[in-house]
Amino acid sequence: MPIDPRKIAVATTGFCAFLNLYSPQALLPELAREFSAGPAEMSSVMTASAAAIALTAPFTGALADVIGDEPDPSLGEEGQFAIKINGGTWLQWLRTGGEWVLQGTPLGLEAKRYMDDGKIAAAREAFNRAIVGRADTPDPFYRRGICAIQLGDFAAAVPDLERVTGKVPDYDFQRAAGLLAHAYAKTGQKEKAESLFRRVTTTSTLSETYLHFAELLASEQRTPEAREWAQKVLDKKPTMPGYLRRRERPWFRQAKGFLGRLPK
């Protein structure tokens, strides 16, 4: 395989950039003896260099956005795409004719940014536009289906999620199938919903899926079963590491509230 000297240059530059930051660590004991300094005083050698990086990073980042608008013309192959953040905006470039040509903002990334910002209606519209250009990619359909569910339009979510799970049954760790079962339940297709819930939960342990299944069971006055599935969400908590417990906290709260609303 041919070696690209430009990649070697970039790797070497990155290595050298951090060399002066970490190389003094091995010398700290010797420097402490030479200057009769304690550990706290010698640690300032490392603190000073790290502080310099922290203080200059915001300014160099802003400067890079201003002067680094276009990808490096010496890099890339014909037909290759590049994505760059410029002033908080995602830009997509296409390498053609030996030059980088601006293509605008990638619609899928724009839509995901809207989702992250809680602008669900805007995200749904952006996914509509993204799907026009990439009708064979499941992810825009999946995320448009999520937007539809969050907007309460469960009927619109069903065909999108059916399309996704038809291509990749366990898409996003079976979350797509769990959401499809939830959409079935909300559109009155309760038999299909329960069948899919039971199939998904044989291997999936997503709290979202467990709780949605419990909601379906409660709607059919099957209170003991509903309580059992909601309790499964809370039963996971003691065995979870701390970072997972923090991530699952909203589902724990919902499960507790759900159990509190069930008839005794």
C-alpha atoms as a PDB file:
ATOM      1  CA  MET A   1       0.000   0.000   0.000  1.00  0.00           C
ATOM      2  CA  PRO A   2       1.512   3.381  -0.998  1.00  0.00           C
ATOM      3  CA  ILE A   3       2.408   5.699   1.863  1.00  0.00           C
ATOM      4  CA  ASP A   4       1.133   9.258   1.603  1.00  0.00           C
ATOM      5  CA  PRO A   5       3.927  11.581   2.791  1.00  0.00           C
ATOM      6  CA  ARG A   6       1.342  14.214   3.672  1.00  0.00           C
ATOM      7  CA  LYS A   7      -0.176  11.888   6.281  1.00  0.00           C
ATOM      8  CA  ILE A   8       3.265  11.255   7.728  1.00  0.00           C
ATOM      9  CA  ALA A   9       3.842  15.006   7.939  1.00  0.00           C
ATOM     10  CA  VAL A  10       0.541  15.580   9.733  1.00  0.00           C
ATOM     11  CA  ALA A  11       1.217  12.725  12.187  1.00  0.00           C
ATOM     12  CA  THR A  12       4.742  13.983  12.896  1.00  0.00           C
ATOM     13  CA  THR A  13       3.517  17.529  13.437  1.00  0.00           C
ATOM     14  CA  GLY A  14       0.889  16.339  15.894  1.00  0.00           C
ATOM     15  CA  PHE A  15       3.451  14.257  17.769  1.00  0.00           C
ATOM     16  CA  CYS A  16       5.889  17.141  18.040  1.00  0.00           C
ATOM     17  CA  ALA A  17       3.160  19.541  19.150  1.00  0.00           C
ATOM     18  CA  PHE A  18       2.605  17.492  22.320  1.00  0.00           C
ATOM     19  CA  LEU A  19       6.225  16.439  22.806  1.00  0.00           C
ATOM     20  CA  ASN A  20       7.186  19.586  24.718  1.00  0.00           C
ATOM     21  CA  LEU A  21       4.056  19.230  26.848  1.00  0.00           C
ATOM     22  CA  TYR A  22       4.795  15.735  28.166  1.00  0.00           C
ATOM     23  CA  SER A  23       8.568  15.315  27.860  1.00  0.00           C
ATOM     24  CA  PRO A  24       9.359  17.321  31.048  1.00  0.00           C
ATOM     25  CA  GLN A  25       7.480  14.781  33.178  1.00  0.00           C
ATOM     26  CA  ALA A  26      10.409  12.376  33.250  1.00  0.00           C
ATOM     27  CA  LEU A  27      12.712  15.191  34.350  1.00  0.00           C
ATOM     28  CA  LEU A  28      10.615  16.425  37.271  1.00  0.00           C
ATOM     29  CA  PRO A  29      12.431  14.377  39.980  1.00  0.00           C
ATOM     30  CA  GLU A  30      15.832  15.547  38.703  1.00  0.00           C
ATOM     31  CA  LEU A  31      14.694  19.166  38.483  1.00  0.00           C
ATOM     32  CA  ALA A  32      13.280  18.971  42.015  1.00  0.00           C
ATOM     33  CA  ARG A  33      16.648  17.821  43.363  1.00  0.00           C
ATOM     34  CA  GLU A  34      18.562  20.388  41.343  1.00  0.00           C
ATOM     35  CA  PHE A  35      16.457  23.331  42.491  1.00  0.00           C
ATOM     36  CA  SER A  36      15.563  21.968  45.951  1.00  0.00           C
ATOM     37  CA  ALA A  37      11.881  22.288  45.158  1.00  0.00           C
ATOM     38  CA  GLY A  38       8.956  20.289  46.478  1.00  0.00           C
ATOM     39  CA  PRO A  39       6.432  18.267  44.440  1.00  0.00           C
ATOM     40  CA  ALA A  40       3.823  21.032  44.509  1.00  0.00           C
ATOM     41  CA  GLU A  41       6.274  23.584  43.144  1.00  0.00           C
ATOM     42  CA  MET A  42       7.562  21.284  40.417  1.00  0.00           C
ATOM     43  CA  SER A  43       4.037  20.388  39.310  1.00  0.00           C
ATOM     44  CA  SER A  44       3.658  24.001  38.205  1.00  0.00           C
ATOM     45  CA  VAL A  45       5.940  23.135  35.261  1.00  0.00           C
ATOM     46  CA  MET A  46       3.177  20.938  33.857  1.00  0.00           C
ATOM     47  CA  THR A  47       0.398  23.262  34.973  1.00  0.00           C
ATOM     48  CA  ALA A  48       1.895  26.236  33.139  1.00  0.00           C
ATOM     49  CA  SER A  49       2.011  24.480  29.765  1.00  0.00           C
ATOM     50  CA  ALA A  50      -1.492  23.036  30.158  1.00  0.00           C
ATOM     51  CA  ALA A  51      -2.844  26.436  31.230  1.00  0.00           C
ATOM     52  CA  ALA A  52      -1.271  28.071  28.167  1.00  0.00           C
ATOM     53  CA  ILE A  53      -3.114  25.637  25.887  1.00  0.00           C
ATOM     54  CA  ALA A  54      -6.401  26.185  27.743  1.00  0.00           C
ATOM     55  CA  LEU A  55      -6.099  29.967  27.531  1.00  0.00           C
ATOM     56  CA  THR A  56      -5.198  30.123  23.840  1.00  0.00           C
ATOM     57  CA  ALA A  57      -7.565  27.408  22.558  1.00  0.00           C
ATOM     58  CA  PRO A  58     -10.677  29.659  22.290  1.00  0.00           C
ATOM     59  CA  PHE A  59      -8.753  32.251  20.295  1.00  0.00           C
ATOM     60  CA  THR A  60      -7.020  29.789  17.961  1.00  0.00           C
ATOM     61  CA  GLY A  61     -10.355  28.025  17.396  1.00  0.00           C
ATOM     62  CA  ALA A  62     -12.055  31.274  16.423  1.00  0.00           C
ATOM     63  CA  LEU A  63      -9.113  32.189  14.201  1.00  0.00           C
ATOM     64  CA  ALA A  64      -9.269  28.800  12.474  1.00  0.00           C
ATOM     65  CA  ASP A  65     -12.951  29.407  11.666  1.00  0.00           C
ATOM     66  CA  VAL A  66     -12.039  32.702  10.008  1.00  0.00           C
ATOM     67  CA  ILE A  67      -8.959  31.754   8.004  1.00  0.00           C
ATOM     68  CA  GLY A  68      -9.613  28.019   7.573  1.00  0.00           C
ATOM     69  CA  ASP A  69     -12.887  28.232   5.694  1.00  0.00           C
ATOM     70  CA  GLU A  70     -11.973  25.957   2.783  1.00  0.00           C
ATOM     71  CA  PRO A  71     -10.368  22.485   3.082  1.00  0.00           C
ATOM     72  CA  ASP A  72      -6.665  22.279   2.267  1.00  0.00           C
ATOM     73  CA  PRO A  73      -6.426  22.267  -1.561  1.00  0.00           C
ATOM     74  CA  SER A  74      -3.476  19.852  -1.406  1.00  0.00           C
ATOM     75  CA  LEU A  75      -5.581  17.153   0.273  1.00  0.00           C
ATOM     76  CA  GLY A  76      -8.382  14.910  -0.939  1.00  0.00           C
ATOM     77  CA  GLU A  77      -9.172  12.798  -3.980  1.00  0.00           C
ATOM     78  CA  GLU A  78     -11.551  13.393  -6.874  1.00  0.00           C
ATOM     79  CA  GLY A  79     -15.166  12.871  -5.821  1.00  0.00           C
ATOM     80  CA  GLN A  80     -14.361  12.931  -2.101  1.00  0.00           C
ATOM     81  CA  PHE A  81     -16.546  14.876   0.363  1.00  0.00           C
ATOM     82  CA  ALA A  82     -15.300  16.906   3.309  1.00  0.00           C
ATOM     83  CA  ILE A  83     -17.281  18.367   6.198  1.00  0.00           C
ATOM     84  CA  LYS A  84     -16.097  21.325   8.239  1.00  0.00           C
ATOM     85  CA  ILE A  85     -17.582  23.432  11.024  1.00  0.00           C
ATOM     86  CA  ASN A  86     -17.316  27.123  10.252  1.00  0.00           C
ATOM     87  CA  GLY A  87     -18.560  29.505  12.913  1.00  0.00           C
ATOM     88  CA  GLY A  88     -20.892  26.823  14.302  1.00  0.00           C
ATOM     89  CA  THR A  89     -22.293  25.964  10.842  1.00  0.00           C
ATOM     90  CA  TRP A  90     -21.653  22.593   9.201  1.00  0.00           C
ATOM     91  CA  LEU A  91     -20.436  22.951   5.607  1.00  0.00           C
ATOM     92  CA  GLN A  92     -20.008  20.190   3.029  1.00  0.00           C
ATOM     93  CA  TRP A  93     -17.386  20.376   0.271  1.00  0.00           C
ATOM     94  CA  LEU A  94     -16.880  18.224  -2.835  1.00  0.00           C
ATOM     95  CA  ARG A  95     -13.470  17.623  -4.421  1.00  0.00           C
ATOM     96  CA  THR A  96     -13.956  18.053  -8.173  1.00  0.00           C
ATOM     97  CA  GLY A  97     -11.680  19.275 -10.950  1.00  0.00           C
ATOM     98  CA  GLY A  98      -8.777  19.479  -8.509  1.00  0.00           C
ATOM     99  CA  GLU A  99     -10.630  21.977  -6.304  1.00  0.00           C
ATOM    100  CA  TRP A 100     -12.942  21.943  -3.287  1.00  0.00           C
ATOM    101  CA  VAL A 101     -16.408  23.154  -4.230  1.00  0.00           C
ATOM    102  CA  LEU A 102     -18.834  24.234  -1.510  1.00  0.00           C
ATOM    103  CA  GLN A 103     -22.036  22.141  -1.491  1.00  0.00           C
ATOM    104  CA  GLY A 104     -23.778  23.874   1.398  1.00  0.00           C
ATOM    105  CA  THR A 105     -24.933  22.448   4.727  1.00  0.00           C
ATOM    106  CA  PRO A 106     -25.436  18.653   4.858  1.00  0.00           C
ATOM    107  CA  LEU A 107     -29.171  18.275   5.423  1.00  0.00           C
ATOM    108  CA  GLY A 108     -28.874  15.231   7.666  1.00  0.00           C
ATOM    109  CA  LEU A 109     -26.424  17.019   9.956  1.00  0.00           C
ATOM    110  CA  GLU A 110     -28.567  20.135   9.934  1.00  0.00           C
ATOM    111  CA  ALA A 111     -31.584  18.061  10.981  1.00  0.00           C
ATOM    112  CA  LYS A 112     -29.673  16.327  13.777  1.00  0.00           C
ATOM    113  CA  ARG A 113     -28.550  19.705  15.067  1.00  0.00           C
ATOM    114  CA  TYR A 114     -32.180  20.828  15.176  1.00  0.00           C
ATOM    115  CA  MET A 115     -33.030  17.669  17.146  1.00  0.00           C
ATOM    116  CA  ASP A 116     -30.230  18.346  19.628  1.00  0.00           C
ATOM    117  CA  ASP A 117     -31.581  21.879  20.076  1.00  0.00           C
ATOM    118  CA  GLY A 118     -35.118  20.614  20.676  1.00  0.00           C
ATOM    119  CA  LYS A 119     -36.457  22.101  17.420  1.00  0.00           C
ATOM    120  CA  ILE A 120     -38.325  18.951  16.440  1.00  0.00           C
ATOM    121  CA  ALA A 121     -40.610  20.440  13.763  1.00  0.00           C
ATOM    122  CA  ALA A 122     -37.633  22.067  12.021  1.00  0.00           C
ATOM    123  CA  ALA A 123     -35.687  18.800  12.272  1.00  0.00           C
ATOM    124  CA  ARG A 124     -38.565  16.913  10.667  1.00  0.00           C
ATOM    125  CA  GLU A 125     -38.632  19.318   7.727  1.00  0.00           C
ATOM    126  CA  ALA A 126     -34.872  19.036   7.315  1.00  0.00           C
ATOM    127  CA  PHE A 127     -35.118  15.243   7.263  1.00  0.00           C
ATOM    128  CA  ASN A 128     -37.830  15.554   4.601  1.00  0.00           C
ATOM    129  CA  ARG A 129     -35.342  17.443   2.433  1.00  0.00           C
ATOM    130  CA  ALA A 130     -32.524  15.007   3.214  1.00  0.00           C
ATOM    131  CA  ILE A 131     -34.680  12.021   2.217  1.00  0.00           C
ATOM    132  CA  VAL A 132     -35.336  13.505  -1.231  1.00  0.00           C
ATOM    133  CA  GLY A 133     -31.631  13.230  -2.026  1.00  0.00           C
ATOM    134  CA  ARG A 134     -30.903   9.956  -0.189  1.00  0.00           C
ATOM    135  CA  ALA A 135     -34.012   7.798  -0.384  1.00  0.00           C
ATOM    136  CA  ASP A 136     -32.035   4.564   0.122  1.00  0.00           C
ATOM    137  CA  THR A 137     -30.458   5.522   3.474  1.00  0.00           C
ATOM    138  CA  PRO A 138     -32.356   4.305   6.559  1.00  0.00           C
ATOM    139  CA  ASP A 139     -31.082   6.845   9.093  1.00  0.00           C
ATOM    140  CA  PRO A 140     -33.050   9.899   7.844  1.00  0.00           C
ATOM    141  CA  PHE A 141     -36.246   7.820   7.843  1.00  0.00           C
ATOM    142  CA  TYR A 142     -35.474   6.580  11.350  1.00  0.00           C
ATOM    143  CA  ARG A 143     -34.861  10.045  12.744  1.00  0.00           C
ATOM    144  CA  ARG A 144     -37.854  11.502  10.907  1.00  0.00           C
ATOM    145  CA  GLY A 145     -39.917   8.777  12.567  1.00  0.00           C
ATOM    146  CA  ILE A 146     -38.544   9.813  15.971  1.00  0.00           C
ATOM    147  CA  CYS A 147     -39.487  13.424  15.208  1.00  0.00           C
ATOM    148  CA  ALA A 148     -43.011  12.337  14.288  1.00  0.00           C
ATOM    149  CA  ILE A 149     -43.368  10.454  17.580  1.00  0.00           C
ATOM    150  CA  GLN A 150     -42.118  13.421  19.574  1.00  0.00           C
ATOM    151  CA  LEU A 151     -44.643  15.614  17.761  1.00  0.00           C
ATOM    152  CA  GLY A 152     -47.441  13.129  18.503  1.00  0.00           C
ATOM    153  CA  ASP A 153     -47.893  12.166  14.837  1.00  0.00           C
ATOM    154  CA  PHE A 154     -47.696   8.408  15.384  1.00  0.00           C
ATOM    155  CA  ALA A 155     -49.443   7.537  12.104  1.00  0.00           C
ATOM    156  CA  ALA A 156     -46.656   9.248  10.155  1.00  0.00           C
ATOM    157  CA  ALA A 157     -43.991   7.493  12.214  1.00  0.00           C
ATOM    158  CA  VAL A 158     -45.245   3.994  11.336  1.00  0.00           C
ATOM    159  CA  PRO A 159     -44.227   3.837   7.631  1.00  0.00           C
ATOM    160  CA  ASP A 160     -40.821   5.406   8.336  1.00  0.00           C
ATOM    161  CA  LEU A 161     -40.008   2.953  11.116  1.00  0.00           C
ATOM    162  CA  GLU A 162     -41.389   0.015   9.122  1.00  0.00           C
ATOM    163  CA  ARG A 163     -39.060   0.954   6.287  1.00  0.00           C
ATOM    164  CA  VAL A 164     -36.063   1.079   8.642  1.00  0.00           C
ATOM    165  CA  THR A 165     -36.766  -2.194  10.457  1.00  0.00           C
ATOM    166  CA  GLY A 166     -37.594  -3.862   7.150  1.00  0.00           C
ATOM    167  CA  LYS A 167     -34.015  -3.197   6.024  1.00  0.00           C
ATOM    168  CA  VAL A 168     -32.237  -3.522   9.378  1.00  0.00           C
ATOM    169  CA  PRO A 169     -34.407  -5.281  12.016  1.00  0.00           C
ATOM    170  CA  ASP A 170     -32.105  -4.426  14.938  1.00  0.00           C
ATOM    171  CA  TYR A 171     -31.399  -0.837  13.850  1.00  0.00           C
ATOM    172  CA  ASP A 172     -29.974   1.334  16.663  1.00  0.00           C
ATOM    173  CA  PHE A 173     -29.786  -1.602  19.082  1.00  0.00           C
ATOM    174  CA  GLN A 174     -33.458  -2.444  18.369  1.00  0.00           C
ATOM    175  CA  ARG A 175     -34.663   0.982  19.429  1.00  0.00           C
ATOM    176  CA  ALA A 176     -36.245   1.432  15.985  1.00  0.00           C
ATOM    177  CA  ALA A 177     -38.310  -1.728  16.450  1.00  0.00           C
ATOM    178  CA  GLY A 178     -39.295  -0.683  19.974  1.00  0.00           C
ATOM    179  CA  LEU A 179     -40.447   2.705  18.709  1.00  0.00           C
ATOM    180  CA  LEU A 180     -42.384   1.040  15.895  1.00  0.00           C
ATOM    181  CA  ALA A 181     -44.213  -1.100  18.473  1.00  0.00           C
ATOM    182  CA  HIS A 182     -44.973   2.078  20.437  1.00  0.00           C
ATOM    183  CA  ALA A 183     -46.318   3.754  17.281  1.00  0.00           C
ATOM    184  CA  TYR A 184     -48.472   0.693  16.568  1.00  0.00           C
ATOM    185  CA  ALA A 185     -49.930   0.937  20.076  1.00  0.00           C
ATOM    186  CA  LYS A 186     -50.678   4.630  19.700  1.00  0.00           C
ATOM    187  CA  THR A 187     -52.462   4.081  16.381  1.00  0.00           C
ATOM    188  CA  GLY A 188     -54.754   1.369  17.732  1.00  0.00           C
ATOM    189  CA  GLN A 189     -52.824  -1.619  16.351  1.00  0.00           C
ATOM    190  CA  LYS A 190     -52.429  -3.166  19.766  1.00  0.00           C
ATOM    191  CA  GLU A 191     -52.053  -6.795  18.721  1.00  0.00           C
ATOM    192  CA  LYS A 192     -49.216  -5.945  16.356  1.00  0.00           C
ATOM    193  CA  ALA A 193     -47.715  -3.720  19.055  1.00  0.00           C
ATOM    194  CA  GLU A 194     -47.716  -6.419  21.732  1.00  0.00           C
ATOM    195  CA  SER A 195     -46.323  -9.028  19.370  1.00  0.00           C
ATOM    196  CA  LEU A 196     -43.468  -6.742  18.374  1.00  0.00           C
ATOM    197  CA  PHE A 197     -42.816  -5.626  21.960  1.00  0.00           C
ATOM    198  CA  ARG A 198     -42.508  -9.239  23.090  1.00  0.00           C
ATOM    199  CA  ARG A 199     -40.144 -10.080  20.249  1.00  0.00           C
ATOM    200  CA  VAL A 200     -37.932  -7.052  20.848  1.00  0.00           C
ATOM    201  CA  THR A 201     -37.754  -7.453  24.626  1.00  0.00           C
ATOM    202  CA  THR A 202     -36.353 -10.976  24.334  1.00  0.00           C
ATOM    203  CA  THR A 203     -32.993  -9.361  23.568  1.00  0.00           C
ATOM    204  CA  SER A 204     -33.386  -5.614  24.144  1.00  0.00           C
ATOM    205  CA  THR A 205     -33.121  -4.076  27.628  1.00  0.00           C
ATOM    206  CA  LEU A 206     -33.860  -0.466  26.657  1.00  0.00           C
ATOM    207  CA  SER A 207     -35.751   1.318  29.431  1.00  0.00           C
ATOM    208  CA  GLU A 208     -37.724   3.251  26.828  1.00  0.00           C
ATOM    209  CA  THR A 209     -39.040   0.026  25.293  1.00  0.00           C
ATOM    210  CA  TYR A 210     -39.887  -1.496  28.681  1.00  0.00           C
ATOM    211  CA  LEU A 211     -41.846   1.584  29.719  1.00  0.00           C
ATOM    212  CA  HIS A 212     -43.714   1.874  26.419  1.00  0.00           C
ATOM    213  CA  PHE A 213     -44.701  -1.774  26.715  1.00  0.00           C
ATOM    214  CA  ALA A 214     -45.926  -1.126  30.253  1.00  0.00           C
ATOM    215  CA  GLU A 215     -48.040   1.764  28.971  1.00  0.00           C
ATOM    216  CA  LEU A 216     -49.667  -0.515  26.389  1.00  0.00           C
ATOM    217  CA  LEU A 217     -50.472  -3.129  29.028  1.00  0.00           C
ATOM    218  CA  ALA A 218     -51.903  -0.492  31.370  1.00  0.00           C
ATOM    219  CA  SER A 219     -54.154   0.820  28.595  1.00  0.00           C
ATOM    220  CA  GLU A 220     -55.694  -2.666  28.430  1.00  0.00           C
ATOM    221  CA  GLN A 221     -56.211  -2.787  32.223  1.00  0.00           C
ATOM    222  CA  ARG A 222     -53.522  -5.466  32.582  1.00  0.00           C
ATOM    223  CA  THR A 223     -52.164  -3.765  35.672  1.00  0.00           C
ATOM    224  CA  PRO A 224     -49.992  -6.567  37.141  1.00  0.00           C
ATOM    225  CA  GLU A 225     -48.142  -7.034  33.850  1.00  0.00           C
ATOM    226  CA  ALA A 226     -47.776  -3.281  33.393  1.00  0.00           C
ATOM    227  CA  ARG A 227     -46.312  -2.983  36.902  1.00  0.00           C
ATOM    228  CA  GLU A 228     -43.895  -5.826  36.189  1.00  0.00           C
ATOM    229  CA  TRP A 229     -42.477  -4.190  33.061  1.00  0.00           C
ATOM    230  CA  ALA A 230     -42.191  -0.749  34.646  1.00  0.00           C
ATOM    231  CA  GLN A 231     -40.447  -2.293  37.640  1.00  0.00           C
ATOM    232  CA  LYS A 232     -37.896  -3.866  35.281  1.00  0.00           C
ATOM    233  CA  VAL A 233     -36.668  -0.338  34.521  1.00  0.00           C
ATOM    234  CA  LEU A 234     -36.019   0.375  38.208  1.00  0.00           C
ATOM    235  CA  ASP A 235     -34.528  -3.077  38.833  1.00  0.00           C
ATOM    236  CA  LYS A 236     -31.632  -2.237  36.501  1.00  0.00           C
ATOM    237  CA  LYS A 237     -30.503   0.710  38.615  1.00  0.00           C
ATOM    238  CA  PRO A 238     -28.551  -1.088  41.416  1.00  0.00           C
ATOM    239  CA  THR A 239     -26.297  -2.958  38.962  1.00  0.00           C
ATOM    240  CA  MET A 240     -25.566   0.013  36.705  1.00  0.00           C
ATOM    241  CA  PRO A 241     -22.314   1.990  36.833  1.00  0.00           C
ATOM    242  CA  GLY A 242     -22.670   5.622  37.818  1.00  0.00           C
ATOM    243  CA  TYR A 243     -22.473   7.109  34.320  1.00  0.00           C
ATOM    244  CA  LEU A 244     -25.287   4.830  33.095  1.00  0.00           C
ATOM    245  CA  ARG A 245     -27.461   5.665  36.095  1.00  0.00           C
ATOM    246  CA  ARG A 246     -27.097   9.354  35.258  1.00  0.00           C
ATOM    247  CA  ARG A 247     -28.025   8.726  31.622  1.00  0.00           C
ATOM    248  CA  GLU A 248     -31.035   6.597  32.621  1.00  0.00           C
ATOM    249  CA  ARG A 249     -32.246   9.023  35.302  1.00  0.00           C
ATOM    250  CA  PRO A 250     -35.138  10.407  33.186  1.00  0.00           C
ATOM    251  CA  TRP A 251     -36.443   6.870  32.600  1.00  0.00           C
ATOM    252  CA  PHE A 252     -36.167   6.033  36.302  1.00  0.00           C
ATOM    253  CA  ARG A 253     -38.267   9.098  37.107  1.00  0.00           C
ATOM    254  CA  GLN A 254     -40.848   8.189  34.468  1.00  0.00           C
ATOM    255  CA  ALA A 255     -41.039   4.597  35.719  1.00  0.00           C
ATOM    256  CA  LYS A 256     -41.586   5.764  39.305  1.00  0.00           C
ATOM    257  CA  GLY A 257     -44.295   8.190  38.198  1.00  0.00           C
ATOM    258  CA  PHE A 258     -45.944   5.497  36.087  1.00  0.00           C
ATOM    259  CA  LEU A 259     -45.998   3.015  38.975  1.00  0.00           C
ATOM    260  CA  GLY A 260     -47.452   5.668  41.230  1.00  0.00           C
ATOM    261  CA  ARG A 261     -50.347   6.249  38.835  1.00  0.00           C
ATOM    262  CA  LEU A 262     -51.285   2.569  38.488  1.00  0.00           C
ATOM    263  CA  PRO A 263     -54.330   1.445  40.449  1.00  0.00           C
ATOM    264  CA  LYS A 264     -53.503  -0.505  43.572  1.00  0.00           C
END
